[in-house]
């Protein structure tokens, strides 16, 4: 237990890393299938079926990462779990209702036709949209230190809109990989129109984060921190340039560059997440609770860590298996 030093120091940090990894993977993976749902109103009936087929083998497995992240928060940082969910009770409820509605609509739309199918398609869109908006709002309020004031609520609404546009964007980039023909061309146009959401969201979070506290401002702009942090905005700018360039030159011959927009978007999300983690460390609740103040007892964390080291490879393994088995272009999704 003392192999890596004081367990009261490294165990909370290890669980924060596991939780952060789970959240990042969730945002990328469930982000694209939420994004596909957000794009539903812009597609015709046949295209909707193909869009659902593009996420059908993956969407429920993607949500496993959210369950893992919330579970780690509960068992590893119970005080922070209580503080965060108390402050964000309403948007969490909206998100869960949206995710439930998506799951029900996903199953029932394939078993109906005509007017009923249109209603379930609408339900799938509403569930995707409400879950995305709720997650974006929670992100904004979290960045603002869980304070509920007119200014923080306005920022939460802004991040809700930007994250929703970002999910629509990554959903479109996923469809570029999984579809072909007219739907792929549409997906490229959808991505072009939503690139602003990525840029606006990154800009809003980047501008707001340093002003949450003097501590974060110093971490960003004091020397030598400003030099060490410089690669993040530079690499983010490079990813945006790659995205813009790739979208302008798609579709390419033999579909050889179709994977570039999705990969660059995933890298952009990872860079943004790294910036947030750097800014708020060591706090799990901004400026209120640190990792070490809110962590469970080291003995409990060590036992939970053993379990996590068994569970995490299983989740990663079946995720890799699913994406490997169902690689290539999406085909008709049936329940026969």
C-alpha atoms as a PDB file:
ATOM      1  CA  UNK A   1       0.000   0.000   0.000  1.00  0.00           C
ATOM      2  CA  UNK A   2       2.934   2.319   0.617  1.00  0.00           C
ATOM      3  CA  UNK A   3       4.777   1.265  -2.519  1.00  0.00           C
ATOM      4  CA  UNK A   4       4.182   4.641  -4.190  1.00  0.00           C
ATOM      5  CA  UNK A   5       4.509   6.820  -1.092  1.00  0.00           C
ATOM      6  CA  UNK A   6       1.793   8.274   1.119  1.00  0.00           C
ATOM      7  CA  UNK A   7      -1.538   6.687   0.048  1.00  0.00           C
ATOM      8  CA  UNK A   8      -3.418   9.746   1.300  1.00  0.00           C
ATOM      9  CA  UNK A   9      -1.655  11.658  -1.487  1.00  0.00           C
ATOM     10  CA  UNK A  10      -1.448   9.330  -4.479  1.00  0.00           C
ATOM     11  CA  UNK A  11      -4.747   7.466  -4.109  1.00  0.00           C
ATOM     12  CA  UNK A  12      -6.982  10.565  -4.468  1.00  0.00           C
ATOM     13  CA  UNK A  13      -4.831  11.652  -7.415  1.00  0.00           C
ATOM     14  CA  UNK A  14      -5.142   8.204  -9.027  1.00  0.00           C
ATOM     15  CA  UNK A  15      -8.920   8.249  -8.667  1.00  0.00           C
ATOM     16  CA  UNK A  16      -9.097  11.795 -10.031  1.00  0.00           C
ATOM     17  CA  UNK A  17      -7.138  10.601 -13.077  1.00  0.00           C
ATOM     18  CA  UNK A  18      -9.459   7.601 -13.553  1.00  0.00           C
ATOM     19  CA  UNK A  19     -12.535   9.791 -13.176  1.00  0.00           C
ATOM     20  CA  UNK A  20     -11.142  12.408 -15.561  1.00  0.00           C
ATOM     21  CA  UNK A  21     -10.293   9.732 -18.133  1.00  0.00           C
ATOM     22  CA  UNK A  22     -13.817   8.308 -17.892  1.00  0.00           C
ATOM     23  CA  UNK A  23     -15.423  11.733 -18.364  1.00  0.00           C
ATOM     24  CA  UNK A  24     -13.219  12.523 -21.362  1.00  0.00           C
ATOM     25  CA  UNK A  25     -13.960   9.188 -23.063  1.00  0.00           C
ATOM     26  CA  UNK A  26     -17.667   9.688 -22.369  1.00  0.00           C
ATOM     27  CA  UNK A  27     -17.695  13.190 -23.875  1.00  0.00           C
ATOM     28  CA  UNK A  28     -16.010  11.920 -27.054  1.00  0.00           C
ATOM     29  CA  UNK A  29     -17.918   8.662 -27.501  1.00  0.00           C
ATOM     30  CA  UNK A  30     -21.375   9.531 -26.228  1.00  0.00           C
ATOM     31  CA  UNK A  31     -20.834  13.012 -27.638  1.00  0.00           C
ATOM     32  CA  UNK A  32     -20.928  11.706 -31.191  1.00  0.00           C
ATOM     33  CA  UNK A  33     -24.075   9.628 -30.718  1.00  0.00           C
ATOM     34  CA  UNK A  34     -25.828  12.503 -28.927  1.00  0.00           C
ATOM     35  CA  UNK A  35     -24.685  14.629 -31.840  1.00  0.00           C
ATOM     36  CA  UNK A  36     -26.261  12.255 -34.336  1.00  0.00           C
ATOM     37  CA  UNK A  37     -29.563  12.620 -32.493  1.00  0.00           C
ATOM     38  CA  UNK A  38     -29.236  16.416 -32.548  1.00  0.00           C
ATOM     39  CA  UNK A  39     -28.847  16.282 -36.342  1.00  0.00           C
ATOM     40  CA  UNK A  40     -32.037  14.241 -36.826  1.00  0.00           C
ATOM     41  CA  UNK A  41     -34.309  17.130 -37.951  1.00  0.00           C
ATOM     42  CA  UNK A  42     -31.992  17.875 -40.881  1.00  0.00           C
ATOM     43  CA  UNK A  43     -32.265  14.385 -42.422  1.00  0.00           C
ATOM     44  CA  UNK A  44     -35.009  12.611 -44.346  1.00  0.00           C
ATOM     45  CA  UNK A  45     -36.590   9.318 -43.255  1.00  0.00           C
ATOM     46  CA  UNK A  46     -34.109   7.024 -45.026  1.00  0.00           C
ATOM     47  CA  UNK A  47     -31.156   9.068 -43.781  1.00  0.00           C
ATOM     48  CA  UNK A  48     -32.458   8.879 -40.208  1.00  0.00           C
ATOM     49  CA  UNK A  49     -32.435   5.082 -40.431  1.00  0.00           C
ATOM     50  CA  UNK A  50     -28.852   5.071 -41.673  1.00  0.00           C
ATOM     51  CA  UNK A  51     -27.804   7.581 -38.980  1.00  0.00           C
ATOM     52  CA  UNK A  52     -29.240   5.332 -36.266  1.00  0.00           C
ATOM     53  CA  UNK A  53     -27.435   2.380 -37.838  1.00  0.00           C
ATOM     54  CA  UNK A  54     -24.173   4.353 -37.563  1.00  0.00           C
ATOM     55  CA  UNK A  55     -24.486   4.507 -33.767  1.00  0.00           C
ATOM     56  CA  UNK A  56     -26.611   1.417 -33.106  1.00  0.00           C
ATOM     57  CA  UNK A  57     -23.834  -0.968 -32.018  1.00  0.00           C
ATOM     58  CA  UNK A  58     -22.156   1.627 -29.780  1.00  0.00           C
ATOM     59  CA  UNK A  59     -24.516   4.067 -28.067  1.00  0.00           C
ATOM     60  CA  UNK A  60     -25.434   2.047 -24.970  1.00  0.00           C
ATOM     61  CA  UNK A  61     -21.813   0.979 -24.387  1.00  0.00           C
ATOM     62  CA  UNK A  62     -20.721   4.612 -24.686  1.00  0.00           C
ATOM     63  CA  UNK A  63     -22.953   5.563 -21.747  1.00  0.00           C
ATOM     64  CA  UNK A  64     -21.100   3.057 -19.560  1.00  0.00           C
ATOM     65  CA  UNK A  65     -18.347   5.647 -19.222  1.00  0.00           C
ATOM     66  CA  UNK A  66     -20.764   8.114 -17.616  1.00  0.00           C
ATOM     67  CA  UNK A  67     -21.859   5.479 -15.106  1.00  0.00           C
ATOM     68  CA  UNK A  68     -18.210   4.734 -14.327  1.00  0.00           C
ATOM     69  CA  UNK A  69     -17.327   8.418 -13.871  1.00  0.00           C
ATOM     70  CA  UNK A  70     -20.274   9.116 -11.543  1.00  0.00           C
ATOM     71  CA  UNK A  71     -19.593   5.906  -9.634  1.00  0.00           C
ATOM     72  CA  UNK A  72     -15.962   6.876  -9.090  1.00  0.00           C
ATOM     73  CA  UNK A  73     -17.039  10.339  -7.928  1.00  0.00           C
ATOM     74  CA  UNK A  74     -19.461   8.795  -5.429  1.00  0.00           C
ATOM     75  CA  UNK A  75     -17.133   6.227  -3.895  1.00  0.00           C
ATOM     76  CA  UNK A  76     -13.865   8.179  -4.071  1.00  0.00           C
ATOM     77  CA  UNK A  77     -15.035  11.738  -3.377  1.00  0.00           C
ATOM     78  CA  UNK A  78     -18.382  11.454  -1.526  1.00  0.00           C
ATOM     79  CA  UNK A  79     -18.283  15.003  -0.155  1.00  0.00           C
ATOM     80  CA  UNK A  80     -17.710  16.422  -3.636  1.00  0.00           C
ATOM     81  CA  UNK A  81     -20.415  14.139  -5.061  1.00  0.00           C
ATOM     82  CA  UNK A  82     -22.943  15.558  -2.601  1.00  0.00           C
ATOM     83  CA  UNK A  83     -21.929  19.165  -3.234  1.00  0.00           C
ATOM     84  CA  UNK A  84     -21.944  18.876  -7.028  1.00  0.00           C
ATOM     85  CA  UNK A  85     -25.228  16.965  -7.361  1.00  0.00           C
ATOM     86  CA  UNK A  86     -26.966  19.210  -4.838  1.00  0.00           C
ATOM     87  CA  UNK A  87     -25.999  22.307  -6.841  1.00  0.00           C
ATOM     88  CA  UNK A  88     -26.832  20.667 -10.195  1.00  0.00           C
ATOM     89  CA  UNK A  89     -29.888  18.629  -9.211  1.00  0.00           C
ATOM     90  CA  UNK A  90     -32.242  20.039 -11.872  1.00  0.00           C
ATOM     91  CA  UNK A  91     -29.906  19.780 -14.910  1.00  0.00           C
ATOM     92  CA  UNK A  92     -28.850  16.288 -13.793  1.00  0.00           C
ATOM     93  CA  UNK A  93     -32.515  15.272 -13.712  1.00  0.00           C
ATOM     94  CA  UNK A  94     -33.062  16.784 -17.179  1.00  0.00           C
ATOM     95  CA  UNK A  95     -30.018  14.914 -18.499  1.00  0.00           C
ATOM     96  CA  UNK A  96     -31.196  11.581 -17.106  1.00  0.00           C
ATOM     97  CA  UNK A  97     -34.706  12.046 -18.497  1.00  0.00           C
ATOM     98  CA  UNK A  98     -33.184  12.905 -21.871  1.00  0.00           C
ATOM     99  CA  UNK A  99     -30.960   9.806 -21.852  1.00  0.00           C
ATOM    100  CA  UNK A 100     -33.899   7.584 -20.881  1.00  0.00           C
ATOM    101  CA  UNK A 101     -36.054   9.112 -23.612  1.00  0.00           C
ATOM    102  CA  UNK A 102     -33.282   8.493 -26.171  1.00  0.00           C
ATOM    103  CA  UNK A 103     -32.968   4.849 -25.168  1.00  0.00           C
ATOM    104  CA  UNK A 104     -36.702   4.197 -25.330  1.00  0.00           C
ATOM    105  CA  UNK A 105     -37.058   6.049 -28.645  1.00  0.00           C
ATOM    106  CA  UNK A 106     -34.078   4.194 -30.120  1.00  0.00           C
ATOM    107  CA  UNK A 107     -35.715   0.842 -29.493  1.00  0.00           C
ATOM    108  CA  UNK A 108     -39.320   1.688 -30.367  1.00  0.00           C
ATOM    109  CA  UNK A 109     -38.669   3.651 -33.574  1.00  0.00           C
ATOM    110  CA  UNK A 110     -37.358   0.442 -35.158  1.00  0.00           C
ATOM    111  CA  UNK A 111     -40.578  -1.412 -34.316  1.00  0.00           C
ATOM    112  CA  UNK A 112     -43.096   1.099 -35.698  1.00  0.00           C
ATOM    113  CA  UNK A 113     -43.840   2.949 -38.910  1.00  0.00           C
ATOM    114  CA  UNK A 114     -45.738   5.954 -40.213  1.00  0.00           C
ATOM    115  CA  UNK A 115     -46.861   8.567 -37.685  1.00  0.00           C
ATOM    116  CA  UNK A 116     -45.668   6.533 -34.698  1.00  0.00           C
ATOM    117  CA  UNK A 117     -42.138   6.324 -36.088  1.00  0.00           C
ATOM    118  CA  UNK A 118     -42.105  10.090 -36.653  1.00  0.00           C
ATOM    119  CA  UNK A 119     -43.067  10.624 -33.025  1.00  0.00           C
ATOM    120  CA  UNK A 120     -40.294   8.354 -31.810  1.00  0.00           C
ATOM    121  CA  UNK A 121     -37.849  10.135 -34.120  1.00  0.00           C
ATOM    122  CA  UNK A 122     -38.916  13.409 -32.513  1.00  0.00           C
ATOM    123  CA  UNK A 123     -38.481  11.846 -29.072  1.00  0.00           C
ATOM    124  CA  UNK A 124     -34.988  10.703 -30.010  1.00  0.00           C
ATOM    125  CA  UNK A 125     -34.109  14.263 -31.055  1.00  0.00           C
ATOM    126  CA  UNK A 126     -35.637  15.831 -27.929  1.00  0.00           C
ATOM    127  CA  UNK A 127     -33.828  13.356 -25.676  1.00  0.00           C
ATOM    128  CA  UNK A 128     -30.507  14.001 -27.402  1.00  0.00           C
ATOM    129  CA  UNK A 129     -30.976  17.775 -27.328  1.00  0.00           C
ATOM    130  CA  UNK A 130     -32.056  17.962 -23.681  1.00  0.00           C
ATOM    131  CA  UNK A 131     -29.197  15.718 -22.507  1.00  0.00           C
ATOM    132  CA  UNK A 132     -26.659  17.795 -24.449  1.00  0.00           C
ATOM    133  CA  UNK A 133     -27.999  21.134 -23.200  1.00  0.00           C
ATOM    134  CA  UNK A 134     -28.064  19.851 -19.613  1.00  0.00           C
ATOM    135  CA  UNK A 135     -24.454  18.662 -19.809  1.00  0.00           C
ATOM    136  CA  UNK A 136     -23.321  21.971 -21.281  1.00  0.00           C
ATOM    137  CA  UNK A 137     -25.145  23.938 -18.602  1.00  0.00           C
ATOM    138  CA  UNK A 138     -23.597  21.780 -15.868  1.00  0.00           C
ATOM    139  CA  UNK A 139     -20.159  22.382 -17.344  1.00  0.00           C
ATOM    140  CA  UNK A 140     -20.662  26.146 -17.297  1.00  0.00           C
ATOM    141  CA  UNK A 141     -21.964  26.235 -13.720  1.00  0.00           C
ATOM    142  CA  UNK A 142     -19.146  23.935 -12.581  1.00  0.00           C
ATOM    143  CA  UNK A 143     -16.536  26.235 -14.115  1.00  0.00           C
ATOM    144  CA  UNK A 144     -18.189  29.148 -12.301  1.00  0.00           C
ATOM    145  CA  UNK A 145     -17.728  27.361  -8.968  1.00  0.00           C
ATOM    146  CA  UNK A 146     -21.315  26.042  -8.729  1.00  0.00           C
ATOM    147  CA  UNK A 147     -22.559  29.560  -8.006  1.00  0.00           C
ATOM    148  CA  UNK A 148     -26.106  30.391  -9.152  1.00  0.00           C
ATOM    149  CA  UNK A 149     -26.152  34.085 -10.104  1.00  0.00           C
ATOM    150  CA  UNK A 150     -27.538  35.815 -13.222  1.00  0.00           C
ATOM    151  CA  UNK A 151     -24.015  36.011 -14.667  1.00  0.00           C
ATOM    152  CA  UNK A 152     -23.136  32.366 -13.995  1.00  0.00           C
ATOM    153  CA  UNK A 153     -26.518  31.189 -15.288  1.00  0.00           C
ATOM    154  CA  UNK A 154     -25.938  33.196 -18.483  1.00  0.00           C
ATOM    155  CA  UNK A 155     -22.527  31.569 -18.843  1.00  0.00           C
ATOM    156  CA  UNK A 156     -24.116  28.171 -18.244  1.00  0.00           C
ATOM    157  CA  UNK A 157     -26.615  28.818 -21.037  1.00  0.00           C
ATOM    158  CA  UNK A 158     -23.776  29.857 -23.353  1.00  0.00           C
ATOM    159  CA  UNK A 159     -21.780  26.690 -22.628  1.00  0.00           C
ATOM    160  CA  UNK A 160     -24.974  24.634 -23.050  1.00  0.00           C
ATOM    161  CA  UNK A 161     -25.459  25.998 -26.561  1.00  0.00           C
ATOM    162  CA  UNK A 162     -21.776  25.643 -27.460  1.00  0.00           C
ATOM    163  CA  UNK A 163     -21.459  22.070 -26.154  1.00  0.00           C
ATOM    164  CA  UNK A 164     -24.625  21.113 -28.018  1.00  0.00           C
ATOM    165  CA  UNK A 165     -23.154  22.572 -31.214  1.00  0.00           C
ATOM    166  CA  UNK A 166     -19.909  20.725 -30.414  1.00  0.00           C
ATOM    167  CA  UNK A 167     -21.783  17.434 -30.014  1.00  0.00           C
ATOM    168  CA  UNK A 168     -23.553  18.085 -33.314  1.00  0.00           C
ATOM    169  CA  UNK A 169     -20.152  18.696 -34.860  1.00  0.00           C
ATOM    170  CA  UNK A 170     -18.532  15.508 -33.599  1.00  0.00           C
ATOM    171  CA  UNK A 171     -21.693  13.615 -34.537  1.00  0.00           C
ATOM    172  CA  UNK A 172     -21.337  14.913 -38.091  1.00  0.00           C
ATOM    173  CA  UNK A 173     -17.665  13.903 -38.204  1.00  0.00           C
ATOM    174  CA  UNK A 174     -18.640  10.387 -37.070  1.00  0.00           C
ATOM    175  CA  UNK A 175     -21.222  10.204 -39.868  1.00  0.00           C
ATOM    176  CA  UNK A 176     -18.505  11.217 -42.344  1.00  0.00           C
ATOM    177  CA  UNK A 177     -16.681   8.025 -41.363  1.00  0.00           C
ATOM    178  CA  UNK A 178     -19.713   5.723 -41.240  1.00  0.00           C
ATOM    179  CA  UNK A 179     -21.784   6.875 -44.238  1.00  0.00           C
ATOM    180  CA  UNK A 180     -21.345   7.433 -47.932  1.00  0.00           C
ATOM    181  CA  UNK A 181     -23.007   9.158 -50.848  1.00  0.00           C
ATOM    182  CA  UNK A 182     -25.535  11.930 -50.271  1.00  0.00           C
ATOM    183  CA  UNK A 183     -25.637  11.470 -46.491  1.00  0.00           C
ATOM    184  CA  UNK A 184     -21.872  11.786 -46.231  1.00  0.00           C
ATOM    185  CA  UNK A 185     -22.004  15.015 -48.254  1.00  0.00           C
ATOM    186  CA  UNK A 186     -24.701  16.311 -45.929  1.00  0.00           C
ATOM    187  CA  UNK A 187     -22.603  15.362 -42.908  1.00  0.00           C
ATOM    188  CA  UNK A 188     -19.664  17.369 -44.256  1.00  0.00           C
ATOM    189  CA  UNK A 189     -21.925  20.421 -44.605  1.00  0.00           C
ATOM    190  CA  UNK A 190     -23.351  19.888 -41.119  1.00  0.00           C
ATOM    191  CA  UNK A 191     -19.817  19.806 -39.722  1.00  0.00           C
ATOM    192  CA  UNK A 192     -18.800  22.979 -41.564  1.00  0.00           C
ATOM    193  CA  UNK A 193     -21.790  24.865 -40.149  1.00  0.00           C
ATOM    194  CA  UNK A 194     -21.081  23.756 -36.585  1.00  0.00           C
ATOM    195  CA  UNK A 195     -17.373  24.391 -36.422  1.00  0.00           C
ATOM    196  CA  UNK A 196     -18.242  27.780 -34.935  1.00  0.00           C
ATOM    197  CA  UNK A 197     -19.682  25.987 -31.891  1.00  0.00           C
ATOM    198  CA  UNK A 198     -16.345  24.327 -31.173  1.00  0.00           C
ATOM    199  CA  UNK A 199     -14.452  27.600 -31.553  1.00  0.00           C
ATOM    200  CA  UNK A 200     -16.955  29.669 -29.562  1.00  0.00           C
ATOM    201  CA  UNK A 201     -17.129  27.124 -26.752  1.00  0.00           C
ATOM    202  CA  UNK A 202     -13.366  26.851 -26.420  1.00  0.00           C
ATOM    203  CA  UNK A 203     -13.073  30.626 -26.486  1.00  0.00           C
ATOM    204  CA  UNK A 204     -15.743  31.138 -23.815  1.00  0.00           C
ATOM    205  CA  UNK A 205     -14.257  28.550 -21.445  1.00  0.00           C
ATOM    206  CA  UNK A 206     -10.721  29.838 -22.034  1.00  0.00           C
ATOM    207  CA  UNK A 207     -11.733  33.430 -21.335  1.00  0.00           C
ATOM    208  CA  UNK A 208     -13.803  32.618 -18.249  1.00  0.00           C
ATOM    209  CA  UNK A 209     -11.583  30.074 -16.473  1.00  0.00           C
ATOM    210  CA  UNK A 210      -8.725  32.418 -15.441  1.00  0.00           C
ATOM    211  CA  UNK A 211     -11.189  34.844 -13.872  1.00  0.00           C
ATOM    212  CA  UNK A 212     -12.889  32.289 -11.643  1.00  0.00           C
ATOM    213  CA  UNK A 213     -10.167  32.869  -9.045  1.00  0.00           C
ATOM    214  CA  UNK A 214      -6.833  34.600  -8.599  1.00  0.00           C
ATOM    215  CA  UNK A 215      -5.244  31.173  -8.129  1.00  0.00           C
ATOM    216  CA  UNK A 216      -6.252  30.040 -11.626  1.00  0.00           C
ATOM    217  CA  UNK A 217      -5.245  33.408 -13.100  1.00  0.00           C
ATOM    218  CA  UNK A 218      -1.766  32.982 -11.624  1.00  0.00           C
ATOM    219  CA  UNK A 219      -1.534  29.396 -12.937  1.00  0.00           C
ATOM    220  CA  UNK A 220      -2.275  30.671 -16.435  1.00  0.00           C
ATOM    221  CA  UNK A 221      -0.272  33.872 -16.645  1.00  0.00           C
ATOM    222  CA  UNK A 222       2.582  33.723 -14.134  1.00  0.00           C
ATOM    223  CA  UNK A 223       6.068  32.762 -15.302  1.00  0.00           C
ATOM    224  CA  UNK A 224       7.067  30.010 -16.096  1.00  0.00           C
ATOM    225  CA  UNK A 225       3.493  28.601 -16.113  1.00  0.00           C
ATOM    226  CA  UNK A 226       2.530  30.689 -19.123  1.00  0.00           C
ATOM    227  CA  UNK A 227       5.353  29.055 -21.104  1.00  0.00           C
ATOM    228  CA  UNK A 228       4.410  25.537 -20.003  1.00  0.00           C
ATOM    229  CA  UNK A 229       0.745  26.145 -20.864  1.00  0.00           C
ATOM    230  CA  UNK A 230       1.436  27.681 -24.284  1.00  0.00           C
ATOM    231  CA  UNK A 231       1.377  24.340 -26.203  1.00  0.00           C
ATOM    232  CA  UNK A 232      -2.306  23.810 -25.328  1.00  0.00           C
ATOM    233  CA  UNK A 233      -3.745  26.831 -27.207  1.00  0.00           C
ATOM    234  CA  UNK A 234      -1.198  26.387 -30.001  1.00  0.00           C
ATOM    235  CA  UNK A 235      -2.134  22.734 -30.503  1.00  0.00           C
ATOM    236  CA  UNK A 236      -5.841  23.613 -30.247  1.00  0.00           C
ATOM    237  CA  UNK A 237      -5.386  26.186 -32.990  1.00  0.00           C
ATOM    238  CA  UNK A 238      -3.613  23.566 -35.090  1.00  0.00           C
ATOM    239  CA  UNK A 239      -6.509  21.114 -34.611  1.00  0.00           C
ATOM    240  CA  UNK A 240      -9.042  23.757 -35.688  1.00  0.00           C
ATOM    241  CA  UNK A 241      -6.925  24.459 -38.791  1.00  0.00           C
ATOM    242  CA  UNK A 242      -6.750  20.734 -39.587  1.00  0.00           C
ATOM    243  CA  UNK A 243     -10.522  20.457 -39.180  1.00  0.00           C
ATOM    244  CA  UNK A 244     -11.235  23.392 -41.468  1.00  0.00           C
ATOM    245  CA  UNK A 245      -8.783  22.169 -44.096  1.00  0.00           C
ATOM    246  CA  UNK A 246     -10.015  18.569 -43.993  1.00  0.00           C
ATOM    247  CA  UNK A 247     -13.687  19.546 -44.280  1.00  0.00           C
ATOM    248  CA  UNK A 248     -12.919  21.716 -47.304  1.00  0.00           C
ATOM    249  CA  UNK A 249     -11.253  18.807 -49.121  1.00  0.00           C
ATOM    250  CA  UNK A 250     -13.750  16.067 -48.304  1.00  0.00           C
ATOM    251  CA  UNK A 251     -14.922  13.733 -49.688  1.00  0.00           C
ATOM    252  CA  UNK A 252     -11.568  12.433 -50.911  1.00  0.00           C
ATOM    253  CA  UNK A 253     -10.881   9.661 -53.359  1.00  0.00           C
ATOM    254  CA  UNK A 254     -11.472   6.199 -51.851  1.00  0.00           C
ATOM    255  CA  UNK A 255     -12.693   7.943 -48.668  1.00  0.00           C
ATOM    256  CA  UNK A 256      -9.116   7.894 -47.367  1.00  0.00           C
ATOM    257  CA  UNK A 257      -9.298  11.080 -45.253  1.00  0.00           C
ATOM    258  CA  UNK A 258     -12.764  10.549 -43.769  1.00  0.00           C
ATOM    259  CA  UNK A 259     -11.296   9.735 -40.354  1.00  0.00           C
ATOM    260  CA  UNK A 260      -9.373  13.028 -40.002  1.00  0.00           C
ATOM    261  CA  UNK A 261     -12.205  15.337 -38.769  1.00  0.00           C
ATOM    262  CA  UNK A 262     -13.351  12.947 -36.042  1.00  0.00           C
ATOM    263  CA  UNK A 263      -9.789  12.278 -34.855  1.00  0.00           C
ATOM    264  CA  UNK A 264      -8.924  15.984 -34.803  1.00  0.00           C
ATOM    265  CA  UNK A 265     -12.130  16.761 -32.893  1.00  0.00           C
ATOM    266  CA  UNK A 266     -11.346  14.078 -30.308  1.00  0.00           C
ATOM    267  CA  UNK A 267      -7.860  15.573 -29.914  1.00  0.00           C
ATOM    268  CA  UNK A 268      -9.398  19.038 -29.520  1.00  0.00           C
ATOM    269  CA  UNK A 269     -11.734  17.802 -26.778  1.00  0.00           C
ATOM    270  CA  UNK A 270      -8.780  16.149 -25.033  1.00  0.00           C
ATOM    271  CA  UNK A 271      -6.756  19.379 -25.154  1.00  0.00           C
ATOM    272  CA  UNK A 272      -9.658  21.384 -23.739  1.00  0.00           C
ATOM    273  CA  UNK A 273     -10.139  18.839 -20.960  1.00  0.00           C
ATOM    274  CA  UNK A 274      -6.431  18.939 -20.138  1.00  0.00           C
ATOM    275  CA  UNK A 275      -6.611  22.724 -19.830  1.00  0.00           C
ATOM    276  CA  UNK A 276      -9.546  22.489 -17.431  1.00  0.00           C
ATOM    277  CA  UNK A 277      -7.843  19.806 -15.336  1.00  0.00           C
ATOM    278  CA  UNK A 278      -4.682  21.920 -15.142  1.00  0.00           C
ATOM    279  CA  UNK A 279      -6.673  25.005 -14.154  1.00  0.00           C
ATOM    280  CA  UNK A 280      -8.735  23.472 -11.352  1.00  0.00           C
ATOM    281  CA  UNK A 281      -6.232  21.041  -9.824  1.00  0.00           C
ATOM    282  CA  UNK A 282      -6.151  20.241  -6.902  1.00  0.00           C
ATOM    283  CA  UNK A 283      -9.824  21.200  -6.521  1.00  0.00           C
ATOM    284  CA  UNK A 284     -12.604  18.745  -7.377  1.00  0.00           C
ATOM    285  CA  UNK A 285     -15.177  21.427  -6.502  1.00  0.00           C
ATOM    286  CA  UNK A 286     -13.682  24.708  -7.788  1.00  0.00           C
ATOM    287  CA  UNK A 287     -12.297  26.791  -4.938  1.00  0.00           C
ATOM    288  CA  UNK A 288     -14.278  24.812  -2.334  1.00  0.00           C
ATOM    289  CA  UNK A 289     -13.095  21.217  -1.966  1.00  0.00           C
ATOM    290  CA  UNK A 290      -9.758  19.724  -2.946  1.00  0.00           C
ATOM    291  CA  UNK A 291      -9.218  16.124  -3.972  1.00  0.00           C
ATOM    292  CA  UNK A 292      -7.619  15.403  -0.637  1.00  0.00           C
ATOM    293  CA  UNK A 293     -10.280  17.076   1.517  1.00  0.00           C
ATOM    294  CA  UNK A 294     -13.167  15.256  -0.156  1.00  0.00           C
ATOM    295  CA  UNK A 295     -11.531  11.846  -0.651  1.00  0.00           C
ATOM    296  CA  UNK A 296     -12.619   8.701   1.156  1.00  0.00           C
ATOM    297  CA  UNK A 297     -10.275   7.021   3.619  1.00  0.00           C
ATOM    298  CA  UNK A 298      -7.089   5.616   2.011  1.00  0.00           C
ATOM    299  CA  UNK A 299      -8.023   2.089   3.111  1.00  0.00           C
ATOM    300  CA  UNK A 300     -11.360   2.349   1.303  1.00  0.00           C
ATOM    301  CA  UNK A 301      -9.776   3.879  -1.783  1.00  0.00           C
ATOM    302  CA  UNK A 302      -7.219   1.102  -2.002  1.00  0.00           C
ATOM    303  CA  UNK A 303      -9.894  -1.612  -1.957  1.00  0.00           C
ATOM    304  CA  UNK A 304     -11.966   0.261  -4.571  1.00  0.00           C
ATOM    305  CA  UNK A 305      -8.855   0.736  -6.717  1.00  0.00           C
ATOM    306  CA  UNK A 306      -8.336  -3.019  -6.877  1.00  0.00           C
ATOM    307  CA  UNK A 307     -11.884  -3.420  -8.176  1.00  0.00           C
ATOM    308  CA  UNK A 308     -11.450  -0.565 -10.651  1.00  0.00           C
ATOM    309  CA  UNK A 309      -8.302  -2.170 -12.051  1.00  0.00           C
ATOM    310  CA  UNK A 310     -10.386  -5.249 -12.921  1.00  0.00           C
ATOM    311  CA  UNK A 311     -13.439  -3.390 -14.244  1.00  0.00           C
ATOM    312  CA  UNK A 312     -11.670  -0.770 -16.366  1.00  0.00           C
ATOM    313  CA  UNK A 313      -9.824  -3.234 -18.685  1.00  0.00           C
ATOM    314  CA  UNK A 314     -13.122  -5.070 -19.258  1.00  0.00           C
ATOM    315  CA  UNK A 315     -14.895  -1.854 -20.295  1.00  0.00           C
ATOM    316  CA  UNK A 316     -11.991  -0.841 -22.532  1.00  0.00           C
ATOM    317  CA  UNK A 317     -11.794  -4.344 -23.984  1.00  0.00           C
ATOM    318  CA  UNK A 318     -15.428  -4.693 -24.991  1.00  0.00           C
ATOM    319  CA  UNK A 319     -15.432  -1.120 -26.323  1.00  0.00           C
ATOM    320  CA  UNK A 320     -12.467  -1.918 -28.564  1.00  0.00           C
ATOM    321  CA  UNK A 321     -14.147  -5.176 -29.612  1.00  0.00           C
ATOM    322  CA  UNK A 322     -17.397  -3.405 -30.544  1.00  0.00           C
ATOM    323  CA  UNK A 323     -15.652  -0.737 -32.599  1.00  0.00           C
ATOM    324  CA  UNK A 324     -13.525  -3.390 -34.298  1.00  0.00           C
ATOM    325  CA  UNK A 325     -16.371  -5.760 -35.161  1.00  0.00           C
ATOM    326  CA  UNK A 326     -18.604  -2.967 -36.479  1.00  0.00           C
ATOM    327  CA  UNK A 327     -15.919  -1.012 -38.321  1.00  0.00           C
ATOM    328  CA  UNK A 328     -16.562   0.242 -41.831  1.00  0.00           C
ATOM    329  CA  UNK A 329     -19.649   1.851 -43.310  1.00  0.00           C
ATOM    330  CA  UNK A 330     -22.970   1.549 -41.523  1.00  0.00           C
ATOM    331  CA  UNK A 331     -25.506  -0.860 -42.962  1.00  0.00           C
ATOM    332  CA  UNK A 332     -29.218  -1.291 -42.249  1.00  0.00           C
ATOM    333  CA  UNK A 333     -29.908  -1.864 -38.560  1.00  0.00           C
ATOM    334  CA  UNK A 334     -32.583  -4.506 -38.029  1.00  0.00           C
ATOM    335  CA  UNK A 335     -33.958  -6.544 -35.116  1.00  0.00           C
ATOM    336  CA  UNK A 336     -34.825  -9.637 -37.150  1.00  0.00           C
END
